[in-house]
C-alpha cells in the first residue's frame, strides 16, 4: 500500500468522504424540482458546514505522540489536508448545483468552504479533533440565529451569508483560512 493510501486511511478519509457524499445526495434529492434562481445562502452555508465538520475527524491521527515524533515533515501535509477539506466541501456543493438549483454563486461557495476549513483547522489546533466541530458550527449558529449588526461589522460576523463580491466577507474568510491553516500546520492537533 502506498503512503498516500495509508495516510488517507489513518485520517479516516473514506468515512468522511462517505458522509460528504451522503449529505450531497440528500441535498440533491431534497432540491429536485426546486425552481431555478432559488438562491439560499443560509442553506448553502449549512451544507458546507456539514461537509467540513464531517472531515474534521481526519485532522488528527490515532496517536498524537506518533504524529509529533514521526520522521516526516507534517506541516505541508497538514496544510494540504486543510486545503483539500475546503476543496472537497465546495466541490460537492458545486456538483449538486450543476444538476439542480443554484443555492449560492460559485465565488460564495469557494469563499465559504475556504473559511470554514480554516475555522475547522483553528478548532483542531486549539481544542483537538474531539471539539474542532464546535467552531464552524458555532459560527454558523451565530450567523443564522443572531441578527448581524449594520455595516462592516455585520459583514464580518455574517460572512457566511454575504453575497458574492462583499470585500469584508472575503477578507474574513481568507484570514480564517490562512490563520487556521498556519496554526494547524505548525502546531498540529491539540492532544
N, C-alpha and C. Protein backbone atom coordinates (compact mmCIF):
# COMPACT_ATOMS: atom_id res chain seq x y z
N UNK A 1 0.85 -1.18 0.00
CA UNK A 1 0.00 0.00 0.00
C UNK A 1 0.90 1.24 0.00
N UNK A 2 0.56 2.24 -0.79
CA UNK A 2 1.43 3.42 -0.85
C UNK A 2 1.15 4.37 0.32
N UNK A 3 2.03 5.35 0.48
CA UNK A 3 1.95 6.25 1.62
C UNK A 3 0.68 7.10 1.63
N UNK A 4 0.24 7.53 0.46
CA UNK A 4 -0.97 8.35 0.39
C UNK A 4 -2.20 7.57 0.86
N UNK A 5 -2.29 6.30 0.45
CA UNK A 5 -3.41 5.47 0.88
C UNK A 5 -3.36 5.21 2.38
N UNK A 6 -2.18 5.00 2.91
CA UNK A 6 -2.04 4.80 4.35
C UNK A 6 -2.43 6.06 5.12
N UNK A 7 -1.99 7.20 4.62
CA UNK A 7 -2.34 8.46 5.26
C UNK A 7 -3.85 8.66 5.24
N UNK A 8 -4.46 8.41 4.09
CA UNK A 8 -5.91 8.59 3.97
C UNK A 8 -6.67 7.66 4.92
N UNK A 9 -6.24 6.44 5.03
CA UNK A 9 -6.91 5.51 5.94
C UNK A 9 -6.70 5.91 7.40
N UNK A 10 -5.50 6.35 7.75
CA UNK A 10 -5.24 6.74 9.14
C UNK A 10 -6.01 7.99 9.53
N UNK A 11 -6.35 8.82 8.56
CA UNK A 11 -7.11 10.05 8.82
C UNK A 11 -8.60 9.90 8.55
N UNK A 12 -9.06 8.69 8.38
CA UNK A 12 -10.48 8.36 8.20
C UNK A 12 -11.11 9.10 7.01
N UNK A 13 -10.33 9.27 5.96
CA UNK A 13 -10.81 9.94 4.76
C UNK A 13 -11.97 9.18 4.11
N UNK A 14 -11.92 7.83 4.01
CA UNK A 14 -13.06 7.14 3.40
C UNK A 14 -14.38 7.39 4.14
N UNK A 15 -14.34 7.39 5.46
CA UNK A 15 -15.55 7.66 6.24
C UNK A 15 -16.04 9.09 6.01
N UNK A 16 -15.12 10.04 6.06
CA UNK A 16 -15.50 11.44 5.82
C UNK A 16 -16.08 11.62 4.43
N UNK A 17 -15.46 10.99 3.45
CA UNK A 17 -15.95 11.10 2.06
C UNK A 17 -17.34 10.50 1.94
N UNK A 18 -17.60 9.41 2.64
CA UNK A 18 -18.92 8.79 2.59
C UNK A 18 -19.98 9.71 3.20
N UNK A 19 -19.64 10.38 4.29
CA UNK A 19 -20.58 11.31 4.92
C UNK A 19 -20.84 12.51 4.01
N UNK A 20 -19.79 13.05 3.41
CA UNK A 20 -19.96 14.18 2.48
C UNK A 20 -20.82 13.76 1.30
N UNK A 21 -20.58 12.56 0.77
CA UNK A 21 -21.39 12.07 -0.35
C UNK A 21 -22.85 11.88 0.09
N UNK A 22 -23.06 11.39 1.29
CA UNK A 22 -24.43 11.22 1.80
C UNK A 22 -25.15 12.54 1.94
N UNK A 23 -24.48 13.54 2.48
CA UNK A 23 -25.08 14.87 2.62
C UNK A 23 -25.38 15.45 1.24
N UNK A 24 -24.47 15.24 0.30
CA UNK A 24 -24.64 15.77 -1.05
C UNK A 24 -25.82 15.12 -1.76
N UNK A 25 -25.92 13.81 -1.67
CA UNK A 25 -27.04 13.10 -2.31
C UNK A 25 -28.37 13.49 -1.67
N UNK A 26 -28.37 13.63 -0.35
CA UNK A 26 -29.59 14.05 0.34
C UNK A 26 -30.01 15.44 -0.09
N UNK A 27 -29.05 16.34 -0.19
CA UNK A 27 -29.36 17.69 -0.66
C UNK A 27 -29.92 17.66 -2.07
N UNK A 28 -29.29 16.88 -2.93
CA UNK A 28 -29.77 16.78 -4.32
C UNK A 28 -31.21 16.26 -4.34
N UNK A 29 -31.50 15.23 -3.53
CA UNK A 29 -32.85 14.67 -3.51
C UNK A 29 -33.87 15.68 -2.99
N UNK A 30 -33.48 16.45 -1.99
CA UNK A 30 -34.41 17.44 -1.43
C UNK A 30 -34.65 18.62 -2.36
N UNK A 31 -33.66 18.95 -3.19
CA UNK A 31 -33.78 20.12 -4.05
C UNK A 31 -34.33 19.82 -5.44
N UNK A 32 -34.54 18.54 -5.74
CA UNK A 32 -35.10 18.21 -7.06
C UNK A 32 -36.45 18.88 -7.21
N UNK A 33 -36.65 19.51 -8.33
CA UNK A 33 -37.92 20.17 -8.59
C UNK A 33 -37.98 21.60 -8.10
N UNK A 34 -36.96 22.05 -7.39
CA UNK A 34 -36.93 23.44 -6.95
C UNK A 34 -36.68 24.33 -8.15
N UNK A 35 -37.42 25.40 -8.29
CA UNK A 35 -37.23 26.25 -9.48
C UNK A 35 -35.85 26.90 -9.50
N UNK A 36 -35.35 27.10 -10.70
CA UNK A 36 -34.05 27.75 -10.87
C UNK A 36 -34.13 29.18 -10.34
N UNK A 37 -33.02 29.68 -9.86
CA UNK A 37 -32.97 31.03 -9.33
C UNK A 37 -33.37 31.11 -7.87
N UNK A 38 -33.47 29.95 -7.19
CA UNK A 38 -33.85 29.93 -5.78
C UNK A 38 -32.60 29.98 -4.91
N UNK A 39 -31.89 31.09 -4.95
CA UNK A 39 -30.66 31.21 -4.16
C UNK A 39 -30.99 31.22 -2.68
N UNK A 40 -30.23 30.43 -1.91
CA UNK A 40 -30.44 30.33 -0.47
C UNK A 40 -29.07 30.21 0.18
N UNK A 41 -28.49 31.35 0.55
CA UNK A 41 -27.14 31.36 1.11
C UNK A 41 -27.08 30.67 2.47
N UNK A 42 -28.16 30.73 3.23
CA UNK A 42 -28.18 30.05 4.53
C UNK A 42 -28.11 28.54 4.38
N UNK A 43 -28.86 27.99 3.44
CA UNK A 43 -28.81 26.55 3.21
C UNK A 43 -27.45 26.13 2.66
N UNK A 44 -26.88 26.94 1.79
CA UNK A 44 -25.54 26.64 1.26
C UNK A 44 -24.52 26.62 2.39
N UNK A 45 -24.60 27.58 3.31
CA UNK A 45 -23.68 27.62 4.45
C UNK A 45 -23.87 26.40 5.36
N UNK A 46 -25.12 26.00 5.55
CA UNK A 46 -25.40 24.82 6.37
C UNK A 46 -24.79 23.56 5.75
N UNK A 47 -24.95 23.39 4.46
CA UNK A 47 -24.42 22.21 3.77
C UNK A 47 -22.89 22.22 3.81
N UNK A 48 -22.29 23.36 3.54
CA UNK A 48 -20.83 23.45 3.58
C UNK A 48 -20.29 23.18 4.98
N UNK A 49 -20.98 23.65 5.99
CA UNK A 49 -20.56 23.38 7.37
C UNK A 49 -20.66 21.89 7.65
N UNK A 50 -21.71 21.25 7.20
CA UNK A 50 -21.83 19.80 7.36
C UNK A 50 -20.71 19.04 6.69
N UNK A 51 -20.34 19.47 5.49
CA UNK A 51 -19.23 18.82 4.78
C UNK A 51 -17.92 18.98 5.54
N UNK A 52 -17.64 20.19 6.00
CA UNK A 52 -16.38 20.44 6.70
C UNK A 52 -16.34 19.71 8.04
N UNK A 53 -17.44 19.73 8.77
CA UNK A 53 -17.48 19.04 10.07
C UNK A 53 -17.29 17.54 9.89
N UNK A 54 -17.81 16.98 8.81
CA UNK A 54 -17.61 15.55 8.56
C UNK A 54 -16.15 15.22 8.35
N UNK A 55 -15.39 16.15 7.83
CA UNK A 55 -13.98 15.90 7.53
C UNK A 55 -13.05 16.25 8.68
N UNK A 56 -13.54 16.96 9.70
CA UNK A 56 -12.70 17.39 10.81
C UNK A 56 -12.05 16.21 11.53
N UNK A 57 -12.73 15.09 11.60
CA UNK A 57 -12.20 13.94 12.31
C UNK A 57 -10.84 13.51 11.76
N UNK A 58 -10.59 13.78 10.49
CA UNK A 58 -9.34 13.38 9.87
C UNK A 58 -8.17 14.30 10.14
N UNK A 59 -8.40 15.42 10.80
CA UNK A 59 -7.31 16.34 11.06
C UNK A 59 -6.40 15.87 12.20
N UNK A 60 -6.79 14.85 12.89
CA UNK A 60 -5.95 14.27 13.93
C UNK A 60 -5.78 12.79 13.69
N UNK A 61 -4.62 12.28 14.00
CA UNK A 61 -4.36 10.85 13.82
C UNK A 61 -4.78 10.03 15.03
N UNK A 62 -4.49 8.77 14.97
CA UNK A 62 -4.85 7.87 16.07
C UNK A 62 -3.99 8.10 17.30
N UNK A 63 -2.75 8.56 17.09
CA UNK A 63 -1.82 8.75 18.19
C UNK A 63 -1.12 10.09 18.01
N UNK A 64 -1.44 11.04 18.87
CA UNK A 64 -0.87 12.38 18.75
C UNK A 64 0.65 12.37 18.95
N UNK A 65 1.14 11.54 19.82
CA UNK A 65 2.58 11.47 20.05
C UNK A 65 3.30 10.93 18.81
N UNK A 66 2.70 9.98 18.14
CA UNK A 66 3.31 9.45 16.92
C UNK A 66 3.38 10.54 15.85
N UNK A 67 2.35 11.34 15.74
CA UNK A 67 2.36 12.45 14.80
C UNK A 67 3.48 13.44 15.11
N UNK A 68 3.73 13.68 16.37
CA UNK A 68 4.74 14.66 16.76
C UNK A 68 6.16 14.13 16.61
N UNK A 69 6.35 12.83 16.70
CA UNK A 69 7.70 12.28 16.67
C UNK A 69 8.07 11.62 15.36
N UNK A 70 7.17 11.58 14.42
CA UNK A 70 7.46 10.92 13.14
C UNK A 70 8.59 11.65 12.42
N UNK A 71 9.32 10.92 11.63
CA UNK A 71 10.49 11.47 10.93
C UNK A 71 10.11 12.10 9.59
N UNK A 72 8.88 12.51 9.45
CA UNK A 72 8.45 13.18 8.22
C UNK A 72 8.01 14.60 8.57
N UNK A 73 8.00 15.45 7.59
CA UNK A 73 7.56 16.83 7.80
C UNK A 73 6.04 16.88 7.74
N UNK A 74 5.43 17.20 8.87
CA UNK A 74 3.97 17.19 8.95
C UNK A 74 3.34 18.48 8.44
N UNK A 75 4.02 19.60 8.56
CA UNK A 75 3.41 20.89 8.22
C UNK A 75 2.85 20.92 6.80
N UNK A 76 3.58 20.51 5.77
CA UNK A 76 2.98 20.55 4.43
C UNK A 76 1.79 19.60 4.29
N UNK A 77 1.85 18.45 4.92
CA UNK A 77 0.74 17.51 4.84
C UNK A 77 -0.50 18.07 5.54
N UNK A 78 -0.28 18.69 6.68
CA UNK A 78 -1.41 19.27 7.41
C UNK A 78 -2.05 20.40 6.62
N UNK A 79 -1.23 21.28 6.06
CA UNK A 79 -1.77 22.39 5.27
C UNK A 79 -2.53 21.87 4.05
N UNK A 80 -1.96 20.88 3.38
CA UNK A 80 -2.64 20.31 2.20
C UNK A 80 -3.95 19.65 2.61
N UNK A 81 -3.99 19.01 3.77
CA UNK A 81 -5.20 18.36 4.24
C UNK A 81 -6.32 19.40 4.46
N UNK A 82 -5.98 20.52 5.07
CA UNK A 82 -6.98 21.57 5.31
C UNK A 82 -7.49 22.11 3.96
N UNK A 83 -6.58 22.36 3.04
CA UNK A 83 -6.99 22.88 1.74
C UNK A 83 -7.86 21.88 0.98
N UNK A 84 -7.53 20.61 1.10
CA UNK A 84 -8.34 19.58 0.44
C UNK A 84 -9.73 19.46 1.06
N UNK A 85 -9.83 19.66 2.36
CA UNK A 85 -11.15 19.64 3.01
C UNK A 85 -12.01 20.77 2.44
N UNK A 86 -11.45 21.96 2.35
CA UNK A 86 -12.20 23.08 1.77
C UNK A 86 -12.58 22.83 0.33
N UNK A 87 -11.64 22.28 -0.44
CA UNK A 87 -11.92 22.00 -1.85
C UNK A 87 -12.99 20.94 -2.01
N UNK A 88 -12.93 19.90 -1.20
CA UNK A 88 -13.93 18.82 -1.30
C UNK A 88 -15.32 19.32 -0.90
N UNK A 89 -15.38 20.13 0.15
CA UNK A 89 -16.67 20.66 0.59
C UNK A 89 -17.30 21.52 -0.50
N UNK A 90 -16.51 22.42 -1.07
CA UNK A 90 -17.02 23.29 -2.12
C UNK A 90 -17.38 22.54 -3.39
N UNK A 91 -16.54 21.58 -3.77
CA UNK A 91 -16.78 20.81 -4.99
C UNK A 91 -18.08 20.01 -4.89
N UNK A 92 -18.34 19.43 -3.71
CA UNK A 92 -19.56 18.65 -3.54
C UNK A 92 -20.80 19.52 -3.72
N UNK A 93 -20.78 20.71 -3.14
CA UNK A 93 -21.93 21.61 -3.30
C UNK A 93 -22.05 22.10 -4.74
N UNK A 94 -20.93 22.43 -5.35
CA UNK A 94 -20.98 22.88 -6.74
C UNK A 94 -21.48 21.77 -7.67
N UNK A 95 -21.18 20.52 -7.35
CA UNK A 95 -21.67 19.40 -8.16
C UNK A 95 -23.19 19.30 -8.07
N UNK A 96 -23.74 19.48 -6.88
CA UNK A 96 -25.19 19.46 -6.72
C UNK A 96 -25.81 20.62 -7.50
N UNK A 97 -25.18 21.78 -7.42
CA UNK A 97 -25.70 22.94 -8.14
C UNK A 97 -25.59 22.77 -9.64
N UNK A 98 -24.67 21.93 -10.09
CA UNK A 98 -24.54 21.68 -11.52
C UNK A 98 -25.72 20.92 -12.11
N UNK A 99 -26.40 20.13 -11.27
CA UNK A 99 -27.54 19.36 -11.75
C UNK A 99 -28.86 19.80 -11.13
N UNK A 100 -28.81 20.86 -10.34
CA UNK A 100 -30.03 21.34 -9.68
C UNK A 100 -30.00 22.85 -9.55
N UNK A 101 -30.81 23.37 -8.65
CA UNK A 101 -30.85 24.83 -8.48
C UNK A 101 -29.56 25.35 -7.83
N UNK A 102 -29.27 26.60 -8.10
CA UNK A 102 -28.06 27.22 -7.56
C UNK A 102 -28.40 27.87 -6.23
N UNK A 103 -27.85 27.31 -5.14
CA UNK A 103 -28.07 27.88 -3.81
C UNK A 103 -27.22 29.11 -3.59
N UNK A 104 -26.01 29.09 -4.14
CA UNK A 104 -25.09 30.21 -3.98
C UNK A 104 -24.19 30.28 -5.20
N UNK A 105 -23.73 31.46 -5.50
CA UNK A 105 -22.80 31.64 -6.62
C UNK A 105 -21.48 30.94 -6.30
N UNK A 106 -20.77 30.54 -7.33
CA UNK A 106 -19.51 29.81 -7.15
C UNK A 106 -18.51 30.58 -6.28
N UNK A 107 -18.35 31.90 -6.44
CA UNK A 107 -17.41 32.60 -5.55
C UNK A 107 -17.81 32.52 -4.08
N UNK A 108 -19.11 32.51 -3.80
CA UNK A 108 -19.58 32.39 -2.42
C UNK A 108 -19.26 31.00 -1.88
N UNK A 109 -19.49 29.97 -2.68
CA UNK A 109 -19.19 28.60 -2.26
C UNK A 109 -17.70 28.45 -1.97
N UNK A 110 -16.86 28.97 -2.85
CA UNK A 110 -15.42 28.88 -2.66
C UNK A 110 -15.00 29.64 -1.41
N UNK A 111 -15.51 30.85 -1.24
CA UNK A 111 -15.18 31.66 -0.06
C UNK A 111 -15.60 30.97 1.23
N UNK A 112 -16.85 30.49 1.26
CA UNK A 112 -17.36 29.87 2.48
C UNK A 112 -16.67 28.56 2.80
N UNK A 113 -16.41 27.73 1.80
CA UNK A 113 -15.74 26.46 2.09
C UNK A 113 -14.32 26.69 2.56
N UNK A 114 -13.64 27.68 2.02
CA UNK A 114 -12.28 28.00 2.46
C UNK A 114 -12.28 28.52 3.90
N UNK A 115 -13.17 29.45 4.19
CA UNK A 115 -13.25 29.98 5.55
C UNK A 115 -13.63 28.94 6.58
N UNK A 116 -14.57 28.07 6.23
CA UNK A 116 -14.97 27.01 7.16
C UNK A 116 -13.85 26.00 7.38
N UNK A 117 -13.09 25.70 6.34
CA UNK A 117 -11.95 24.79 6.51
C UNK A 117 -10.91 25.42 7.44
N UNK A 118 -10.70 26.72 7.30
CA UNK A 118 -9.79 27.41 8.22
C UNK A 118 -10.29 27.40 9.65
N UNK A 119 -11.60 27.59 9.82
CA UNK A 119 -12.18 27.51 11.17
C UNK A 119 -12.01 26.12 11.77
N UNK A 120 -12.20 25.09 10.96
CA UNK A 120 -12.03 23.72 11.45
C UNK A 120 -10.58 23.46 11.85
N UNK A 121 -9.64 23.96 11.06
CA UNK A 121 -8.22 23.80 11.39
C UNK A 121 -7.87 24.56 12.66
N UNK A 122 -8.42 25.75 12.81
CA UNK A 122 -8.20 26.53 14.02
C UNK A 122 -8.76 25.81 15.24
N UNK A 123 -9.96 25.26 15.10
CA UNK A 123 -10.56 24.50 16.19
C UNK A 123 -9.75 23.27 16.54
N UNK A 124 -9.19 22.60 15.55
CA UNK A 124 -8.38 21.42 15.79
C UNK A 124 -7.10 21.78 16.52
N UNK A 125 -6.47 22.88 16.12
CA UNK A 125 -5.23 23.30 16.78
C UNK A 125 -5.49 23.75 18.22
N UNK A 126 -6.65 24.34 18.47
CA UNK A 126 -6.95 24.85 19.82
C UNK A 126 -7.56 23.80 20.74
N UNK A 127 -8.46 22.94 20.22
CA UNK A 127 -9.19 22.02 21.08
C UNK A 127 -9.07 20.57 20.69
N UNK A 128 -8.37 20.25 19.64
CA UNK A 128 -8.25 18.86 19.19
C UNK A 128 -9.44 18.48 18.31
N UNK A 129 -9.36 17.29 17.75
CA UNK A 129 -10.42 16.86 16.82
C UNK A 129 -11.73 16.57 17.53
N UNK A 130 -11.68 16.30 18.82
CA UNK A 130 -12.91 16.00 19.55
C UNK A 130 -13.88 17.18 19.54
N UNK A 131 -13.36 18.38 19.67
CA UNK A 131 -14.21 19.56 19.74
C UNK A 131 -14.00 20.54 18.59
N UNK A 132 -13.27 20.13 17.57
CA UNK A 132 -12.99 21.03 16.44
C UNK A 132 -14.25 21.42 15.69
N UNK A 133 -15.26 20.59 15.72
CA UNK A 133 -16.52 20.88 15.03
C UNK A 133 -17.22 22.10 15.62
N UNK A 134 -16.92 22.43 16.87
CA UNK A 134 -17.66 23.48 17.57
C UNK A 134 -17.45 24.86 16.95
N UNK A 135 -16.27 25.13 16.45
CA UNK A 135 -16.00 26.46 15.91
C UNK A 135 -16.78 26.73 14.61
N UNK A 136 -16.70 25.86 13.59
CA UNK A 136 -17.52 26.14 12.40
C UNK A 136 -19.02 26.07 12.67
N UNK A 137 -19.43 25.14 13.52
CA UNK A 137 -20.85 25.01 13.83
C UNK A 137 -21.34 26.21 14.64
N UNK A 138 -20.52 26.65 15.57
CA UNK A 138 -20.88 27.81 16.37
C UNK A 138 -20.99 29.08 15.54
N UNK A 139 -20.05 29.24 14.60
CA UNK A 139 -20.11 30.44 13.75
C UNK A 139 -21.35 30.39 12.86
N UNK A 140 -21.68 29.20 12.37
CA UNK A 140 -22.90 29.07 11.57
C UNK A 140 -24.13 29.42 12.41
N UNK A 141 -24.18 28.91 13.64
CA UNK A 141 -25.31 29.21 14.52
C UNK A 141 -25.40 30.71 14.80
N UNK A 142 -24.26 31.34 15.06
CA UNK A 142 -24.24 32.78 15.28
C UNK A 142 -24.78 33.51 14.06
N UNK A 143 -24.35 33.07 12.90
CA UNK A 143 -24.79 33.71 11.65
C UNK A 143 -26.28 33.55 11.43
N UNK A 144 -26.80 32.37 11.70
CA UNK A 144 -28.20 32.08 11.38
C UNK A 144 -29.18 32.57 12.46
N UNK A 145 -28.73 32.64 13.70
CA UNK A 145 -29.67 32.91 14.79
C UNK A 145 -29.60 34.32 15.36
N UNK A 146 -28.46 34.99 15.22
CA UNK A 146 -28.30 36.32 15.79
C UNK A 146 -28.31 37.35 14.67
N UNK A 147 -29.18 38.33 14.76
CA UNK A 147 -29.19 39.36 13.71
C UNK A 147 -27.85 40.10 13.69
N UNK A 148 -27.24 40.23 12.52
CA UNK A 148 -25.94 40.89 12.47
C UNK A 148 -26.07 42.40 12.64
N UNK A 149 -25.03 43.02 13.20
CA UNK A 149 -25.06 44.48 13.28
C UNK A 149 -24.97 45.09 11.89
N UNK A 150 -25.30 46.33 11.80
CA UNK A 150 -25.29 47.01 10.50
C UNK A 150 -23.86 47.32 10.06
N UNK A 151 -23.68 47.44 8.77
CA UNK A 151 -22.40 47.87 8.23
C UNK A 151 -21.35 46.78 8.17
N UNK A 152 -20.10 47.21 8.21
CA UNK A 152 -18.97 46.30 8.07
C UNK A 152 -18.91 45.25 9.19
N UNK A 153 -19.20 45.58 10.46
CA UNK A 153 -19.18 44.52 11.48
C UNK A 153 -20.17 43.39 11.17
N UNK A 154 -21.30 43.73 10.59
CA UNK A 154 -22.28 42.72 10.19
C UNK A 154 -21.78 41.87 9.04
N UNK A 155 -21.05 42.48 8.12
CA UNK A 155 -20.49 41.73 7.01
C UNK A 155 -19.39 40.78 7.48
N UNK A 156 -18.69 41.17 8.54
CA UNK A 156 -17.64 40.31 9.08
C UNK A 156 -18.25 39.16 9.87
N UNK A 157 -19.18 39.44 10.75
CA UNK A 157 -19.75 38.37 11.58
C UNK A 157 -20.63 37.43 10.77
N UNK A 158 -21.30 37.93 9.77
CA UNK A 158 -22.20 37.11 8.94
C UNK A 158 -21.57 36.84 7.57
N UNK A 159 -20.27 36.62 7.53
CA UNK A 159 -19.59 36.42 6.25
C UNK A 159 -20.10 35.20 5.51
N UNK A 160 -20.63 34.23 6.21
CA UNK A 160 -21.12 33.01 5.55
C UNK A 160 -22.30 33.26 4.63
N UNK A 161 -23.09 34.27 4.90
CA UNK A 161 -24.31 34.50 4.11
C UNK A 161 -24.27 35.82 3.35
N UNK A 162 -23.09 36.38 3.17
CA UNK A 162 -22.96 37.61 2.39
C UNK A 162 -22.94 37.27 0.90
N UNK A 163 -23.48 38.13 0.06
CA UNK A 163 -23.45 37.87 -1.38
C UNK A 163 -22.03 37.96 -1.93
N UNK A 164 -21.86 37.45 -3.13
CA UNK A 164 -20.55 37.49 -3.79
C UNK A 164 -20.11 38.93 -3.97
N UNK A 165 -18.82 39.16 -3.84
CA UNK A 165 -18.28 40.49 -4.03
C UNK A 165 -18.25 41.33 -2.77
N UNK A 166 -18.66 40.80 -1.63
CA UNK A 166 -18.58 41.53 -0.38
C UNK A 166 -17.15 41.43 0.14
N UNK A 167 -16.43 42.54 0.08
CA UNK A 167 -15.00 42.54 0.40
C UNK A 167 -14.73 42.12 1.84
N UNK A 168 -15.53 42.58 2.78
CA UNK A 168 -15.30 42.25 4.19
C UNK A 168 -15.50 40.75 4.43
N UNK A 169 -16.48 40.15 3.78
CA UNK A 169 -16.72 38.71 3.93
C UNK A 169 -15.57 37.91 3.33
N UNK A 170 -15.10 38.32 2.18
CA UNK A 170 -13.98 37.63 1.54
C UNK A 170 -12.72 37.75 2.38
N UNK A 171 -12.46 38.94 2.92
CA UNK A 171 -11.29 39.14 3.77
C UNK A 171 -11.37 38.30 5.04
N UNK A 172 -12.55 38.21 5.63
CA UNK A 172 -12.73 37.40 6.84
C UNK A 172 -12.47 35.94 6.55
N UNK A 173 -13.05 35.41 5.47
CA UNK A 173 -12.85 34.00 5.12
C UNK A 173 -11.38 33.72 4.81
N UNK A 174 -10.74 34.64 4.10
CA UNK A 174 -9.31 34.46 3.78
C UNK A 174 -8.46 34.47 5.03
N UNK A 175 -8.74 35.39 5.94
CA UNK A 175 -8.00 35.46 7.19
C UNK A 175 -8.19 34.18 8.01
N UNK A 176 -9.41 33.69 8.08
CA UNK A 176 -9.67 32.45 8.81
C UNK A 176 -8.94 31.27 8.18
N UNK A 177 -8.95 31.19 6.86
CA UNK A 177 -8.24 30.10 6.18
C UNK A 177 -6.75 30.17 6.46
N UNK A 178 -6.16 31.34 6.30
CA UNK A 178 -4.71 31.48 6.49
C UNK A 178 -4.30 31.24 7.94
N UNK A 179 -5.03 31.84 8.88
CA UNK A 179 -4.68 31.68 10.30
C UNK A 179 -4.88 30.25 10.76
N UNK A 180 -6.02 29.66 10.41
CA UNK A 180 -6.29 28.28 10.83
C UNK A 180 -5.32 27.29 10.22
N UNK A 181 -5.05 27.44 8.94
CA UNK A 181 -4.13 26.52 8.27
C UNK A 181 -2.72 26.66 8.82
N UNK A 182 -2.26 27.89 9.01
CA UNK A 182 -0.90 28.11 9.53
C UNK A 182 -0.75 27.55 10.94
N UNK A 183 -1.71 27.84 11.81
CA UNK A 183 -1.61 27.35 13.19
C UNK A 183 -1.68 25.83 13.24
N UNK A 184 -2.58 25.25 12.49
CA UNK A 184 -2.70 23.79 12.47
C UNK A 184 -1.47 23.14 11.85
N UNK A 185 -0.93 23.72 10.77
CA UNK A 185 0.24 23.14 10.11
C UNK A 185 1.44 23.15 11.04
N UNK A 186 1.63 24.20 11.80
CA UNK A 186 2.78 24.31 12.69
C UNK A 186 2.57 23.52 13.98
N UNK A 187 1.41 23.65 14.56
CA UNK A 187 1.16 23.07 15.88
C UNK A 187 0.59 21.66 15.83
N UNK A 188 -0.25 21.39 14.84
CA UNK A 188 -0.92 20.11 14.77
C UNK A 188 -2.14 20.09 15.67
N UNK A 189 -2.80 18.95 15.78
CA UNK A 189 -3.98 18.88 16.63
C UNK A 189 -3.59 18.91 18.11
N UNK A 190 -4.42 19.56 18.88
CA UNK A 190 -4.17 19.58 20.33
C UNK A 190 -4.45 18.20 20.90
N UNK A 191 -3.64 17.81 21.85
CA UNK A 191 -3.82 16.48 22.47
C UNK A 191 -4.96 16.48 23.44
